PDB file of all heavy atoms in Angstrom:
ATOM      1  N   MET A   1       0.773  -1.194   0.000  1.00  0.00           N
ATOM      2  CA  MET A   1      -0.040   0.009  -0.011  1.00  0.00           C
ATOM      3  C   MET A   1       0.865   1.246   0.028  1.00  0.00           C
ATOM      4  O   MET A   1       1.701   1.444   0.874  1.00  0.00           O
ATOM      5  CB  MET A   1      -0.910   0.006   1.241  1.00  0.00           C
ATOM      6  CG  MET A   1      -1.826   1.225   1.218  1.00  0.00           C
ATOM      7  SD  MET A   1      -2.878   1.438  -0.210  1.00  0.00           S
ATOM      8  CE  MET A   1      -4.016   0.076   0.027  1.00  0.00           C
ATOM      9  N   LEU A   2       0.670   2.074  -1.038  1.00  0.00           N
ATOM     10  CA  LEU A   2       1.345   3.366  -1.109  1.00  0.00           C
ATOM     11  C   LEU A   2       0.297   4.413  -0.755  1.00  0.00           C
ATOM     12  O   LEU A   2      -0.796   4.511  -1.385  1.00  0.00           O
ATOM     13  CB  LEU A   2       1.906   3.627  -2.492  1.00  0.00           C
ATOM     14  CG  LEU A   2       2.399   5.075  -2.803  1.00  0.00           C
ATOM     15  CD1 LEU A   2       3.594   5.402  -1.850  1.00  0.00           C
ATOM     16  CD2 LEU A   2       2.754   5.262  -4.235  1.00  0.00           C
ATOM     17  N   ILE A   3       0.632   5.247   0.211  1.00  0.00           N
ATOM     18  CA  ILE A   3      -0.251   6.348   0.534  1.00  0.00           C
ATOM     19  C   ILE A   3       0.470   7.660   0.406  1.00  0.00           C
ATOM     20  O   ILE A   3       1.329   8.032   1.250  1.00  0.00           O
ATOM     21  CB  ILE A   3      -0.812   6.210   1.997  1.00  0.00           C
ATOM     22  CG1 ILE A   3      -1.623   4.902   2.155  1.00  0.00           C
ATOM     23  CG2 ILE A   3      -1.646   7.455   2.382  1.00  0.00           C
ATOM     24  CD1 ILE A   3      -2.270   4.729   3.479  1.00  0.00           C
ATOM     25  N   PRO A   4       0.248   8.352  -0.726  1.00  0.00           N
ATOM     26  CA  PRO A   4       0.927   9.604  -0.979  1.00  0.00           C
ATOM     27  C   PRO A   4       0.201  10.790  -0.346  1.00  0.00           C
ATOM     28  O   PRO A   4      -1.024  10.677  -0.130  1.00  0.00           O
ATOM     29  CB  PRO A   4       0.858   9.760  -2.535  1.00  0.00           C
ATOM     30  CG  PRO A   4      -0.385   9.066  -2.921  1.00  0.00           C
ATOM     31  CD  PRO A   4      -0.590   7.920  -1.883  1.00  0.00           C
ATOM     32  N   HIS A   5       0.902  11.804  -0.025  1.00  0.00           N
ATOM     33  CA  HIS A   5       0.268  13.066   0.364  1.00  0.00           C
ATOM     34  C   HIS A   5      -0.789  13.446  -0.662  1.00  0.00           C
ATOM     35  O   HIS A   5      -0.515  13.464  -1.869  1.00  0.00           O
ATOM     36  CB  HIS A   5       1.247  14.143   0.543  1.00  0.00           C
ATOM     37  CG  HIS A   5       0.692  15.532   0.603  1.00  0.00           C
ATOM     38  ND1 HIS A   5      -0.342  15.869   1.499  1.00  0.00           N
ATOM     39  CD2 HIS A   5       0.894  16.639  -0.176  1.00  0.00           C
ATOM     40  CE1 HIS A   5      -0.689  17.133   1.294  1.00  0.00           C
ATOM     41  NE2 HIS A   5       0.065  17.647   0.282  1.00  0.00           N
ATOM     42  N   GLN A   6      -2.018  13.811  -0.196  1.00  0.00           N
ATOM     43  CA  GLN A   6      -3.097  14.132  -1.154  1.00  0.00           C
ATOM     44  C   GLN A   6      -3.007  15.563  -1.608  1.00  0.00           C
ATOM     45  O   GLN A   6      -3.806  16.459  -1.173  1.00  0.00           O
ATOM     46  CB  GLN A   6      -4.397  13.836  -0.478  1.00  0.00           C
ATOM     47  CG  GLN A   6      -4.508  12.447   0.000  1.00  0.00           C
ATOM     48  CD  GLN A   6      -4.504  11.404  -1.110  1.00  0.00           C
ATOM     49  OE1 GLN A   6      -5.457  11.330  -1.922  1.00  0.00           O
ATOM     50  NE2 GLN A   6      -3.453  10.588  -1.233  1.00  0.00           N
ATOM     51  N   ALA A   7      -2.043  15.934  -2.518  1.00  0.00           N
ATOM     52  CA  ALA A   7      -1.856  17.267  -2.989  1.00  0.00           C
ATOM     53  C   ALA A   7      -2.650  17.445  -4.223  1.00  0.00           C
ATOM     54  O   ALA A   7      -3.242  18.499  -4.443  1.00  0.00           O
ATOM     55  CB  ALA A   7      -0.380  17.529  -3.222  1.00  0.00           C
ATOM     56  N   ASN A   8      -2.654  16.453  -5.127  1.00  0.00           N
ATOM     57  CA  ASN A   8      -3.232  16.629  -6.421  1.00  0.00           C
ATOM     58  C   ASN A   8      -3.373  15.179  -6.967  1.00  0.00           C
ATOM     59  O   ASN A   8      -2.376  14.419  -7.002  1.00  0.00           O
ATOM     60  CB  ASN A   8      -2.416  17.443  -7.386  1.00  0.00           C
ATOM     61  CG  ASN A   8      -3.130  17.784  -8.721  1.00  0.00           C
ATOM     62  OD1 ASN A   8      -3.543  16.867  -9.353  1.00  0.00           O
ATOM     63  ND2 ASN A   8      -3.123  19.023  -9.100  1.00  0.00           N
ATOM     64  N   LEU A   9      -4.550  14.775  -7.350  1.00  0.00           N
ATOM     65  CA  LEU A   9      -4.770  13.414  -7.885  1.00  0.00           C
ATOM     66  C   LEU A   9      -3.856  13.122  -9.070  1.00  0.00           C
ATOM     67  O   LEU A   9      -3.414  12.024  -9.252  1.00  0.00           O
ATOM     68  CB  LEU A   9      -6.192  13.186  -8.230  1.00  0.00           C
ATOM     69  CG  LEU A   9      -6.619  11.757  -8.583  1.00  0.00           C
ATOM     70  CD1 LEU A   9      -6.318  10.811  -7.480  1.00  0.00           C
ATOM     71  CD2 LEU A   9      -8.061  11.635  -9.032  1.00  0.00           C
ATOM     72  N   ARG A  10      -3.573  14.174  -9.909  1.00  0.00           N
ATOM     73  CA  ARG A  10      -2.737  13.984 -11.068  1.00  0.00           C
ATOM     74  C   ARG A  10      -1.282  13.582 -10.628  1.00  0.00           C
ATOM     75  O   ARG A  10      -0.624  12.799 -11.355  1.00  0.00           O
ATOM     76  CB  ARG A  10      -2.723  15.147 -11.894  1.00  0.00           C
ATOM     77  CG  ARG A  10      -4.105  15.752 -12.315  1.00  0.00           C
ATOM     78  CD  ARG A  10      -4.959  14.677 -12.919  1.00  0.00           C
ATOM     79  NE  ARG A  10      -6.344  15.056 -12.926  1.00  0.00           N
ATOM     80  CZ  ARG A  10      -7.447  14.286 -12.699  1.00  0.00           C
ATOM     81  NH1 ARG A  10      -7.188  12.988 -12.527  1.00  0.00           N
ATOM     82  NH2 ARG A  10      -8.636  14.714 -12.739  1.00  0.00           N
ATOM     83  N   ILE A  11      -0.770  14.125  -9.581  1.00  0.00           N
ATOM     84  CA  ILE A  11       0.488  13.741  -9.081  1.00  0.00           C
ATOM     85  C   ILE A  11       0.540  12.295  -8.611  1.00  0.00           C
ATOM     86  O   ILE A  11       1.424  11.521  -8.967  1.00  0.00           O
ATOM     87  CB  ILE A  11       0.949  14.718  -7.885  1.00  0.00           C
ATOM     88  CG1 ILE A  11       1.145  16.103  -8.398  1.00  0.00           C
ATOM     89  CG2 ILE A  11       2.279  14.170  -7.210  1.00  0.00           C
ATOM     90  CD1 ILE A  11       1.437  17.075  -7.249  1.00  0.00           C
ATOM     91  N   ALA A  12      -0.473  11.919  -7.823  1.00  0.00           N
ATOM     92  CA  ALA A  12      -0.576  10.555  -7.340  1.00  0.00           C
ATOM     93  C   ALA A  12      -0.656   9.579  -8.534  1.00  0.00           C
ATOM     94  O   ALA A  12      -0.025   8.496  -8.514  1.00  0.00           O
ATOM     95  CB  ALA A  12      -1.757  10.386  -6.412  1.00  0.00           C
ATOM     96  N   GLN A  13      -1.440   9.890  -9.545  1.00  0.00           N
ATOM     97  CA  GLN A  13      -1.600   9.050 -10.691  1.00  0.00           C
ATOM     98  C   GLN A  13      -0.229   8.908 -11.481  1.00  0.00           C
ATOM     99  O   GLN A  13       0.058   7.824 -11.990  1.00  0.00           O
ATOM    100  CB  GLN A  13      -2.716   9.551 -11.558  1.00  0.00           C
ATOM    101  CG  GLN A  13      -4.092   9.379 -10.977  1.00  0.00           C
ATOM    102  CD  GLN A  13      -5.146  10.075 -11.803  1.00  0.00           C
ATOM    103  OE1 GLN A  13      -4.933  11.081 -12.483  1.00  0.00           O
ATOM    104  NE2 GLN A  13      -6.430   9.567 -11.652  1.00  0.00           N
ATOM    105  N   PHE A  14       0.499   9.998 -11.531  1.00  0.00           N
ATOM    106  CA  PHE A  14       1.758   9.945 -12.208  1.00  0.00           C
ATOM    107  C   PHE A  14       2.707   9.021 -11.489  1.00  0.00           C
ATOM    108  O   PHE A  14       3.415   8.201 -12.094  1.00  0.00           O
ATOM    109  CB  PHE A  14       2.323  11.385 -12.210  1.00  0.00           C
ATOM    110  CG  PHE A  14       3.686  11.501 -13.047  1.00  0.00           C
ATOM    111  CD1 PHE A  14       3.723  11.878 -14.307  1.00  0.00           C
ATOM    112  CD2 PHE A  14       4.886  11.195 -12.313  1.00  0.00           C
ATOM    113  CE1 PHE A  14       4.901  11.995 -15.016  1.00  0.00           C
ATOM    114  CE2 PHE A  14       6.064  11.304 -13.012  1.00  0.00           C
ATOM    115  CZ  PHE A  14       6.119  11.722 -14.319  1.00  0.00           C
ATOM    116  N   ILE A  15       2.778   9.110 -10.158  1.00  0.00           N
ATOM    117  CA  ILE A  15       3.660   8.286  -9.353  1.00  0.00           C
ATOM    118  C   ILE A  15       3.152   6.805  -9.524  1.00  0.00           C
ATOM    119  O   ILE A  15       4.009   5.890  -9.639  1.00  0.00           O
ATOM    120  CB  ILE A  15       3.670   8.719  -7.885  1.00  0.00           C
ATOM    121  CG1 ILE A  15       4.163  10.156  -7.750  1.00  0.00           C
ATOM    122  CG2 ILE A  15       4.419   7.773  -7.040  1.00  0.00           C
ATOM    123  CD1 ILE A  15       5.561  10.387  -8.293  1.00  0.00           C
ATOM    124  N   GLN A  16       1.910   6.583  -9.409  1.00  0.00           N
ATOM    125  CA  GLN A  16       1.391   5.209  -9.582  1.00  0.00           C
ATOM    126  C   GLN A  16       1.804   4.581 -10.859  1.00  0.00           C
ATOM    127  O   GLN A  16       2.248   3.415 -10.933  1.00  0.00           O
ATOM    128  CB  GLN A  16      -0.112   5.253  -9.469  1.00  0.00           C
ATOM    129  CG  GLN A  16      -0.763   3.854  -9.585  1.00  0.00           C
ATOM    130  CD  GLN A  16      -2.270   3.858  -9.462  1.00  0.00           C
ATOM    131  OE1 GLN A  16      -2.916   4.834  -9.043  1.00  0.00           O
ATOM    132  NE2 GLN A  16      -2.960   2.773  -9.847  1.00  0.00           N
ATOM    133  N   LYS A  17       1.703   5.402 -11.906  1.00  0.00           N
ATOM    134  CA  LYS A  17       2.052   4.807 -13.241  1.00  0.00           C
ATOM    135  C   LYS A  17       3.618   4.626 -13.339  1.00  0.00           C
ATOM    136  O   LYS A  17       4.030   3.558 -13.904  1.00  0.00           O
ATOM    137  CB  LYS A  17       1.646   5.823 -14.308  1.00  0.00           C
ATOM    138  CG  LYS A  17       1.947   5.380 -15.791  1.00  0.00           C
ATOM    139  CD  LYS A  17       1.380   6.354 -16.727  1.00  0.00           C
ATOM    140  CE  LYS A  17       1.636   5.904 -18.189  1.00  0.00           C
ATOM    141  NZ  LYS A  17       1.160   6.922 -19.171  1.00  0.00           N
ATOM    142  N   LYS A  18       4.359   5.478 -12.744  1.00  0.00           N
ATOM    143  CA  LYS A  18       5.839   5.335 -12.854  1.00  0.00           C
ATOM    144  C   LYS A  18       6.252   4.036 -12.092  1.00  0.00           C
ATOM    145  O   LYS A  18       7.144   3.341 -12.583  1.00  0.00           O
ATOM    146  CB  LYS A  18       6.488   6.552 -12.186  1.00  0.00           C
ATOM    147  CG  LYS A  18       8.034   6.483 -12.221  1.00  0.00           C
ATOM    148  CD  LYS A  18       8.640   7.815 -11.816  1.00  0.00           C
ATOM    149  CE  LYS A  18      10.178   7.683 -11.910  1.00  0.00           C
ATOM    150  NZ  LYS A  18      10.827   8.966 -11.631  1.00  0.00           N
ATOM    151  N   PHE A  19       5.604   3.749 -10.987  1.00  0.00           N
ATOM    152  CA  PHE A  19       6.021   2.588 -10.156  1.00  0.00           C
ATOM    153  C   PHE A  19       5.201   1.313 -10.593  1.00  0.00           C
ATOM    154  O   PHE A  19       5.335   0.288 -10.007  1.00  0.00           O
ATOM    155  CB  PHE A  19       5.844   2.817  -8.734  1.00  0.00           C
ATOM    156  CG  PHE A  19       6.946   3.700  -8.103  1.00  0.00           C
ATOM    157  CD1 PHE A  19       6.865   5.052  -8.172  1.00  0.00           C
ATOM    158  CD2 PHE A  19       8.066   3.100  -7.540  1.00  0.00           C
ATOM    159  CE1 PHE A  19       7.869   5.893  -7.627  1.00  0.00           C
ATOM    160  CE2 PHE A  19       9.050   3.836  -7.069  1.00  0.00           C
ATOM    161  CZ  PHE A  19       8.964   5.274  -7.112  1.00  0.00           C
ATOM    162  N   GLN A  20       4.335   1.495 -11.545  1.00  0.00           N
ATOM    163  CA  GLN A  20       3.533   0.369 -12.121  1.00  0.00           C
ATOM    164  C   GLN A  20       2.725  -0.359 -11.036  1.00  0.00           C
ATOM    165  O   GLN A  20       2.751  -1.575 -10.944  1.00  0.00           O
ATOM    166  CB  GLN A  20       4.404  -0.589 -12.903  1.00  0.00           C
ATOM    167  CG  GLN A  20       5.104   0.022 -14.072  1.00  0.00           C
ATOM    168  CD  GLN A  20       5.995  -0.920 -14.836  1.00  0.00           C
ATOM    169  OE1 GLN A  20       6.901  -1.573 -14.267  1.00  0.00           O
ATOM    170  NE2 GLN A  20       5.823  -1.025 -16.117  1.00  0.00           N
ATOM    171  N   LEU A  21       2.070   0.434 -10.168  1.00  0.00           N
ATOM    172  CA  LEU A  21       1.330  -0.088  -9.077  1.00  0.00           C
ATOM    173  C   LEU A  21      -0.111  -0.174  -9.512  1.00  0.00           C
ATOM    174  O   LEU A  21      -0.707   0.748  -9.996  1.00  0.00           O
ATOM    175  CB  LEU A  21       1.472   0.778  -7.819  1.00  0.00           C
ATOM    176  CG  LEU A  21       2.888   0.858  -7.226  1.00  0.00           C
ATOM    177  CD1 LEU A  21       2.902   1.886  -6.132  1.00  0.00           C
ATOM    178  CD2 LEU A  21       3.311  -0.468  -6.687  1.00  0.00           C
ATOM    179  N   PRO A  22      -0.785  -1.282  -9.211  1.00  0.00           N
ATOM    180  CA  PRO A  22      -2.238  -1.430  -9.512  1.00  0.00           C
ATOM    181  C   PRO A  22      -3.063  -0.527  -8.526  1.00  0.00           C
ATOM    182  O   PRO A  22      -2.587  -0.089  -7.488  1.00  0.00           O
ATOM    183  CB  PRO A  22      -2.561  -2.880  -9.240  1.00  0.00           C
ATOM    184  CG  PRO A  22      -1.450  -3.337  -8.326  1.00  0.00           C
ATOM    185  CD  PRO A  22      -0.270  -2.504  -8.562  1.00  0.00           C
ATOM    186  N   ASN A  23      -4.295  -0.278  -8.904  1.00  0.00           N
ATOM    187  CA  ASN A  23      -5.179   0.615  -8.120  1.00  0.00           C
ATOM    188  C   ASN A  23      -5.291   0.187  -6.673  1.00  0.00           C
ATOM    189  O   ASN A  23      -5.343   1.007  -5.793  1.00  0.00           O
ATOM    190  CB  ASN A  23      -6.561   0.721  -8.741  1.00  0.00           C
ATOM    191  CG  ASN A  23      -6.529   1.503 -10.020  1.00  0.00           C
ATOM    192  OD1 ASN A  23      -5.681   2.317 -10.262  1.00  0.00           O
ATOM    193  ND2 ASN A  23      -7.531   1.254 -10.858  1.00  0.00           N
ATOM    194  N   GLU A  24      -5.324  -1.163  -6.490  1.00  0.00           N
ATOM    195  CA  GLU A  24      -5.494  -1.668  -5.075  1.00  0.00           C
ATOM    196  C   GLU A  24      -4.304  -1.423  -4.196  1.00  0.00           C
ATOM    197  O   GLU A  24      -4.409  -1.622  -2.949  1.00  0.00           O
ATOM    198  CB  GLU A  24      -5.917  -3.157  -5.129  1.00  0.00           C
ATOM    199  CG  GLU A  24      -4.857  -4.031  -5.701  1.00  0.00           C
ATOM    200  CD  GLU A  24      -5.051  -4.285  -7.199  1.00  0.00           C
ATOM    201  OE1 GLU A  24      -5.754  -3.468  -7.882  1.00  0.00           O
ATOM    202  OE2 GLU A  24      -4.555  -5.308  -7.684  1.00  0.00           O
ATOM    203  N   LYS A  25      -3.204  -1.006  -4.796  1.00  0.00           N
ATOM    204  CA  LYS A  25      -1.976  -0.738  -3.968  1.00  0.00           C
ATOM    205  C   LYS A  25      -1.697   0.794  -3.718  1.00  0.00           C
ATOM    206  O   LYS A  25      -0.702   1.067  -3.150  1.00  0.00           O
ATOM    207  CB  LYS A  25      -0.759  -1.362  -4.669  1.00  0.00           C
ATOM    208  CG  LYS A  25      -0.761  -2.901  -4.566  1.00  0.00           C
ATOM    209  CD  LYS A  25       0.618  -3.398  -4.948  1.00  0.00           C
ATOM    210  CE  LYS A  25       0.706  -4.909  -4.679  1.00  0.00           C
ATOM    211  NZ  LYS A  25       2.076  -5.408  -4.911  1.00  0.00           N
ATOM    212  N   VAL A  26      -2.657   1.593  -4.138  1.00  0.00           N
ATOM    213  CA  VAL A  26      -2.429   3.074  -3.929  1.00  0.00           C
ATOM    214  C   VAL A  26      -3.808   3.588  -3.366  1.00  0.00           C
ATOM    215  O   VAL A  26      -4.838   3.280  -3.929  1.00  0.00           O
ATOM    216  CB  VAL A  26      -2.130   3.840  -5.204  1.00  0.00           C
ATOM    217  CG1 VAL A  26      -1.925   5.269  -4.949  1.00  0.00           C
ATOM    218  CG2 VAL A  26      -0.874   3.213  -5.902  1.00  0.00           C
ATOM    219  N   TYR A  27      -3.723   4.393  -2.278  1.00  0.00           N
ATOM    220  CA  TYR A  27      -4.963   4.898  -1.705  1.00  0.00           C
ATOM    221  C   TYR A  27      -5.047   6.419  -1.880  1.00  0.00           C
ATOM    222  O   TYR A  27      -4.084   7.119  -1.502  1.00  0.00           O
ATOM    223  CB  TYR A  27      -5.016   4.571  -0.203  1.00  0.00           C
ATOM    224  CG  TYR A  27      -6.408   4.754   0.374  1.00  0.00           C
ATOM    225  CD1 TYR A  27      -7.415   3.824   0.291  1.00  0.00           C
ATOM    226  CD2 TYR A  27      -6.745   6.038   0.924  1.00  0.00           C
ATOM    227  CE1 TYR A  27      -8.636   4.055   0.796  1.00  0.00           C
ATOM    228  CE2 TYR A  27      -7.964   6.248   1.439  1.00  0.00           C
ATOM    229  CZ  TYR A  27      -8.982   5.262   1.364  1.00  0.00           C
ATOM    230  OH  TYR A  27     -10.223   5.522   1.854  1.00  0.00           O
ATOM    231  N   ASN A  28      -6.121   6.820  -2.458  1.00  0.00           N
ATOM    232  CA  ASN A  28      -6.379   8.283  -2.638  1.00  0.00           C
ATOM    233  C   ASN A  28      -7.695   8.663  -2.129  1.00  0.00           C
ATOM    234  O   ASN A  28      -8.695   7.895  -2.344  1.00  0.00           O
ATOM    235  CB  ASN A  28      -6.298   8.667  -4.121  1.00  0.00           C
ATOM    236  CG  ASN A  28      -4.866   8.604  -4.642  1.00  0.00           C
ATOM    237  OD1 ASN A  28      -3.989   9.284  -4.229  1.00  0.00           O
ATOM    238  ND2 ASN A  28      -4.616   7.736  -5.663  1.00  0.00           N
ATOM    239  N   ASN A  29      -7.806   9.752  -1.383  1.00  0.00           N
ATOM    240  CA  ASN A  29      -9.143  10.290  -0.995  1.00  0.00           C
ATOM    241  C   ASN A  29      -9.272  11.792  -1.242  1.00  0.00           C
ATOM    242  O   ASN A  29     -10.192  12.396  -0.710  1.00  0.00           O
ATOM    243  CB  ASN A  29      -9.442   9.915   0.487  1.00  0.00           C
ATOM    244  CG  ASN A  29      -8.418  10.554   1.448  1.00  0.00           C
ATOM    245  OD1 ASN A  29      -7.553  11.269   0.985  1.00  0.00           O
ATOM    246  ND2 ASN A  29      -8.512  10.234   2.705  1.00  0.00           N
ATOM    247  N   ILE A  30      -8.358  12.306  -2.068  1.00  0.00           N
ATOM    248  CA  ILE A  30      -8.464  13.776  -2.297  1.00  0.00           C
ATOM    249  C   ILE A  30      -9.747  14.140  -2.926  1.00  0.00           C
ATOM    250  O   ILE A  30     -10.144  15.283  -2.875  1.00  0.00           O
ATOM    251  CB  ILE A  30      -7.262  14.204  -3.186  1.00  0.00           C
ATOM    252  CG1 ILE A  30      -7.116  15.712  -3.212  1.00  0.00           C
ATOM    253  CG2 ILE A  30      -7.313  13.573  -4.572  1.00  0.00           C
ATOM    254  CD1 ILE A  30      -5.867  16.286  -3.862  1.00  0.00           C
ATOM    255  N   MET A  31     -10.318  13.213  -3.632  1.00  0.00           N
ATOM    256  CA  MET A  31     -11.664  13.496  -4.309  1.00  0.00           C
ATOM    257  C   MET A  31     -12.699  13.983  -3.262  1.00  0.00           C
ATOM    258  O   MET A  31     -13.530  14.849  -3.631  1.00  0.00           O
ATOM    259  CB  MET A  31     -12.180  12.261  -5.001  1.00  0.00           C
ATOM    260  CG  MET A  31     -11.222  11.595  -5.986  1.00  0.00           C
ATOM    261  SD  MET A  31      -9.923  10.585  -5.141  1.00  0.00           S
ATOM    262  CE  MET A  31     -10.793   9.163  -4.564  1.00  0.00           C
ATOM    263  N   ARG A  32     -12.626  13.462  -2.085  1.00  0.00           N
ATOM    264  CA  ARG A  32     -13.636  13.736  -1.065  1.00  0.00           C
ATOM    265  C   ARG A  32     -13.205  14.876  -0.131  1.00  0.00           C
ATOM    266  O   ARG A  32     -14.104  15.579   0.428  1.00  0.00           O
ATOM    267  CB  ARG A  32     -13.910  12.528  -0.246  1.00  0.00           C
ATOM    268  CG  ARG A  32     -14.469  11.344  -0.988  1.00  0.00           C
ATOM    269  CD  ARG A  32     -14.943  10.254  -0.104  1.00  0.00           C
ATOM    270  NE  ARG A  32     -13.860   9.669   0.674  1.00  0.00           N
ATOM    271  CZ  ARG A  32     -13.059   8.691   0.159  1.00  0.00           C
ATOM    272  NH1 ARG A  32     -13.184   8.306  -1.070  1.00  0.00           N
ATOM    273  NH2 ARG A  32     -12.151   8.268   1.009  1.00  0.00           N
ATOM    274  N   TYR A  33     -11.941  15.068   0.061  1.00  0.00           N
ATOM    275  CA  TYR A  33     -11.455  16.012   1.112  1.00  0.00           C
ATOM    276  C   TYR A  33     -10.568  17.072   0.691  1.00  0.00           C
ATOM    277  O   TYR A  33     -10.249  18.035   1.404  1.00  0.00           O
ATOM    278  CB  TYR A  33     -10.679  15.211   2.176  1.00  0.00           C
ATOM    279  CG  TYR A  33     -11.469  14.089   2.804  1.00  0.00           C
ATOM    280  CD1 TYR A  33     -10.965  12.802   2.934  1.00  0.00           C
ATOM    281  CD2 TYR A  33     -12.752  14.330   3.363  1.00  0.00           C
ATOM    282  CE1 TYR A  33     -11.680  11.749   3.436  1.00  0.00           C
ATOM    283  CE2 TYR A  33     -13.479  13.285   3.923  1.00  0.00           C
ATOM    284  CZ  TYR A  33     -12.997  12.034   3.974  1.00  0.00           C
ATOM    285  OH  TYR A  33     -13.721  10.984   4.508  1.00  0.00           O
ATOM    286  N   GLY A  34     -10.139  17.055  -0.640  1.00  0.00           N
ATOM    287  CA  GLY A  34      -9.134  18.058  -1.021  1.00  0.00           C
ATOM    288  C   GLY A  34      -7.789  17.836  -0.381  1.00  0.00           C
ATOM    289  O   GLY A  34      -7.556  16.774   0.191  1.00  0.00           O
ATOM    290  N   ASN A  35      -6.935  18.800  -0.474  1.00  0.00           N
ATOM    291  CA  ASN A  35      -5.616  18.737   0.184  1.00  0.00           C
ATOM    292  C   ASN A  35      -5.727  19.257   1.635  1.00  0.00           C
ATOM    293  O   ASN A  35      -5.965  20.437   1.867  1.00  0.00           O
ATOM    294  CB  ASN A  35      -4.640  19.565  -0.639  1.00  0.00           C
ATOM    295  CG  ASN A  35      -3.265  19.548  -0.020  1.00  0.00           C
ATOM    296  OD1 ASN A  35      -3.007  19.125   1.046  1.00  0.00           O
ATOM    297  ND2 ASN A  35      -2.305  20.077  -0.769  1.00  0.00           N
TER     298      ASN A  35
END
């Protein structure tokens, strides 16, 4: 499980893609709470 600081979903998605991590291994909640 990777939990990045919720600064911007686009940053988290970039990191997820770079490390080739599936959705179930990255947790994001910025959609609901913002930064």
